[in-house]
Every structure is written in structure tokens, then in C-alpha cells.
Amino acid sequence: MNRLRSRGVQVRYEIFHNEGHGLLRRDNQAKSLSDAGEFLIEHLGD
């Protein structure tokens, strides 16, 4: 992540403090999937 940022690449890193190694809470699942969708639209078009 730091190497990408040092090259000027925008990096988004999100931590869900109320989760362990997976996403079990529905609100966190929804946020994660929404973020993934936004990434795909931004980088691949709609």
C-alpha cells in the first residue's frame, strides 16, 4: 500500500473494527459491496 501511494496511486484501505477476518455483519457487507461496485464503475465504466 505504501509503495503504491509513493508512486501517486490512489489507495483506499478500510478497516472494520467490529469484525474479525471476515465480514459477518450485514452493514459491513453492504458497505464493502457498495465500495466494490463504485470501484468497478469508476475504473471499468458503466
N, C-alpha and C. Protein backbone atom coordinates (compact mmCIF):
# COMPACT_ATOMS: atom_id res chain seq x y z
N MET A 1 0.82 -1.17 0.00
CA MET A 1 0.00 0.00 0.00
C MET A 1 0.87 1.24 0.00
N ASN A 2 1.88 1.27 0.86
CA ASN A 2 2.75 2.44 0.93
C ASN A 2 3.52 2.66 -0.37
N ARG A 3 3.92 1.57 -1.01
CA ARG A 3 4.66 1.70 -2.28
C ARG A 3 3.76 2.28 -3.37
N LEU A 4 2.51 1.85 -3.40
CA LEU A 4 1.58 2.41 -4.38
C LEU A 4 1.37 3.90 -4.13
N ARG A 5 1.15 4.25 -2.89
CA ARG A 5 0.94 5.67 -2.57
C ARG A 5 2.17 6.50 -2.90
N SER A 6 3.36 5.95 -2.69
CA SER A 6 4.58 6.69 -3.01
C SER A 6 4.71 6.94 -4.51
N ARG A 7 4.04 6.10 -5.32
CA ARG A 7 4.04 6.29 -6.77
C ARG A 7 2.87 7.13 -7.24
N GLY A 8 2.08 7.65 -6.29
CA GLY A 8 0.97 8.52 -6.65
C GLY A 8 -0.32 7.77 -6.97
N VAL A 9 -0.37 6.48 -6.67
CA VAL A 9 -1.57 5.69 -6.93
C VAL A 9 -2.52 5.87 -5.75
N GLN A 10 -3.78 6.20 -6.06
CA GLN A 10 -4.76 6.38 -5.01
C GLN A 10 -5.14 5.01 -4.43
N VAL A 11 -5.02 4.87 -3.12
CA VAL A 11 -5.31 3.61 -2.45
C VAL A 11 -6.36 3.85 -1.38
N ARG A 12 -7.35 2.98 -1.38
CA ARG A 12 -8.37 3.05 -0.33
C ARG A 12 -8.21 1.82 0.55
N TYR A 13 -8.07 2.04 1.82
CA TYR A 13 -7.86 0.96 2.78
C TYR A 13 -8.83 1.15 3.91
N GLU A 14 -9.73 0.22 4.08
CA GLU A 14 -10.77 0.38 5.10
C GLU A 14 -10.70 -0.78 6.10
N ILE A 15 -10.79 -0.45 7.37
CA ILE A 15 -10.77 -1.43 8.43
C ILE A 15 -12.12 -1.41 9.13
N PHE A 16 -12.71 -2.57 9.29
CA PHE A 16 -13.96 -2.70 10.03
C PHE A 16 -13.58 -3.18 11.42
N HIS A 17 -13.55 -2.28 12.37
CA HIS A 17 -13.07 -2.59 13.72
C HIS A 17 -13.96 -3.57 14.47
N ASN A 18 -15.21 -3.71 14.05
CA ASN A 18 -16.11 -4.62 14.75
C ASN A 18 -16.21 -5.99 14.04
N GLU A 19 -15.20 -6.31 13.22
CA GLU A 19 -15.16 -7.59 12.52
C GLU A 19 -13.83 -8.29 12.81
N GLY A 20 -13.81 -9.58 12.54
CA GLY A 20 -12.57 -10.35 12.64
C GLY A 20 -11.94 -10.45 11.26
N HIS A 21 -11.71 -11.67 10.80
CA HIS A 21 -11.07 -11.89 9.49
C HIS A 21 -12.06 -11.88 8.34
N GLY A 22 -13.31 -11.84 8.62
CA GLY A 22 -14.32 -11.82 7.57
C GLY A 22 -15.34 -10.74 7.84
N LEU A 23 -16.31 -10.65 6.97
CA LEU A 23 -17.39 -9.67 7.15
C LEU A 23 -18.67 -10.42 7.47
N LEU A 24 -19.04 -10.43 8.74
CA LEU A 24 -20.23 -11.15 9.18
C LEU A 24 -21.42 -10.22 9.39
N ARG A 25 -21.16 -8.96 9.69
CA ARG A 25 -22.24 -8.01 9.95
C ARG A 25 -22.80 -7.50 8.62
N ARG A 26 -24.13 -7.49 8.52
CA ARG A 26 -24.79 -7.08 7.28
C ARG A 26 -24.41 -5.66 6.86
N ASP A 27 -24.31 -4.74 7.81
CA ASP A 27 -23.98 -3.36 7.45
C ASP A 27 -22.58 -3.27 6.86
N ASN A 28 -21.65 -4.06 7.37
CA ASN A 28 -20.30 -4.06 6.82
C ASN A 28 -20.25 -4.74 5.45
N GLN A 29 -21.04 -5.79 5.27
CA GLN A 29 -21.12 -6.45 3.97
C GLN A 29 -21.65 -5.48 2.92
N ALA A 30 -22.71 -4.77 3.28
CA ALA A 30 -23.32 -3.82 2.35
C ALA A 30 -22.33 -2.72 1.98
N LYS A 31 -21.62 -2.19 2.96
CA LYS A 31 -20.64 -1.12 2.71
C LYS A 31 -19.52 -1.63 1.81
N SER A 32 -19.03 -2.83 2.09
CA SER A 32 -17.94 -3.40 1.30
C SER A 32 -18.37 -3.64 -0.15
N LEU A 33 -19.55 -4.21 -0.34
CA LEU A 33 -20.04 -4.46 -1.70
C LEU A 33 -20.33 -3.16 -2.45
N SER A 34 -20.85 -2.18 -1.75
CA SER A 34 -21.09 -0.88 -2.37
C SER A 34 -19.78 -0.24 -2.82
N ASP A 35 -18.78 -0.31 -1.97
CA ASP A 35 -17.46 0.24 -2.32
C ASP A 35 -16.87 -0.48 -3.52
N ALA A 36 -17.02 -1.81 -3.56
CA ALA A 36 -16.51 -2.58 -4.69
C ALA A 36 -17.22 -2.18 -5.98
N GLY A 37 -18.53 -2.00 -5.90
CA GLY A 37 -19.29 -1.56 -7.07
C GLY A 37 -18.86 -0.20 -7.56
N GLU A 38 -18.64 0.73 -6.65
CA GLU A 38 -18.17 2.07 -7.03
C GLU A 38 -16.80 1.98 -7.70
N PHE A 39 -15.92 1.12 -7.18
CA PHE A 39 -14.60 0.95 -7.77
C PHE A 39 -14.73 0.45 -9.21
N LEU A 40 -15.57 -0.56 -9.42
CA LEU A 40 -15.72 -1.12 -10.75
C LEU A 40 -16.30 -0.09 -11.73
N ILE A 41 -17.29 0.65 -11.30
CA ILE A 41 -17.87 1.68 -12.17
C ILE A 41 -16.82 2.74 -12.52
N GLU A 42 -16.06 3.15 -11.52
CA GLU A 42 -15.05 4.19 -11.74
C GLU A 42 -13.96 3.72 -12.70
N HIS A 43 -13.53 2.47 -12.57
CA HIS A 43 -12.37 2.00 -13.33
C HIS A 43 -12.72 1.23 -14.60
N LEU A 44 -13.94 0.71 -14.69
CA LEU A 44 -14.32 -0.05 -15.88
C LEU A 44 -15.43 0.59 -16.68
N GLY A 45 -16.06 1.58 -16.12
CA GLY A 45 -17.18 2.25 -16.80
C GLY A 45 -18.48 1.54 -16.49
N ASP A 46 -19.57 2.17 -16.90
CA ASP A 46 -20.87 1.57 -16.58
C ASP A 46 -21.57 1.05 -17.79
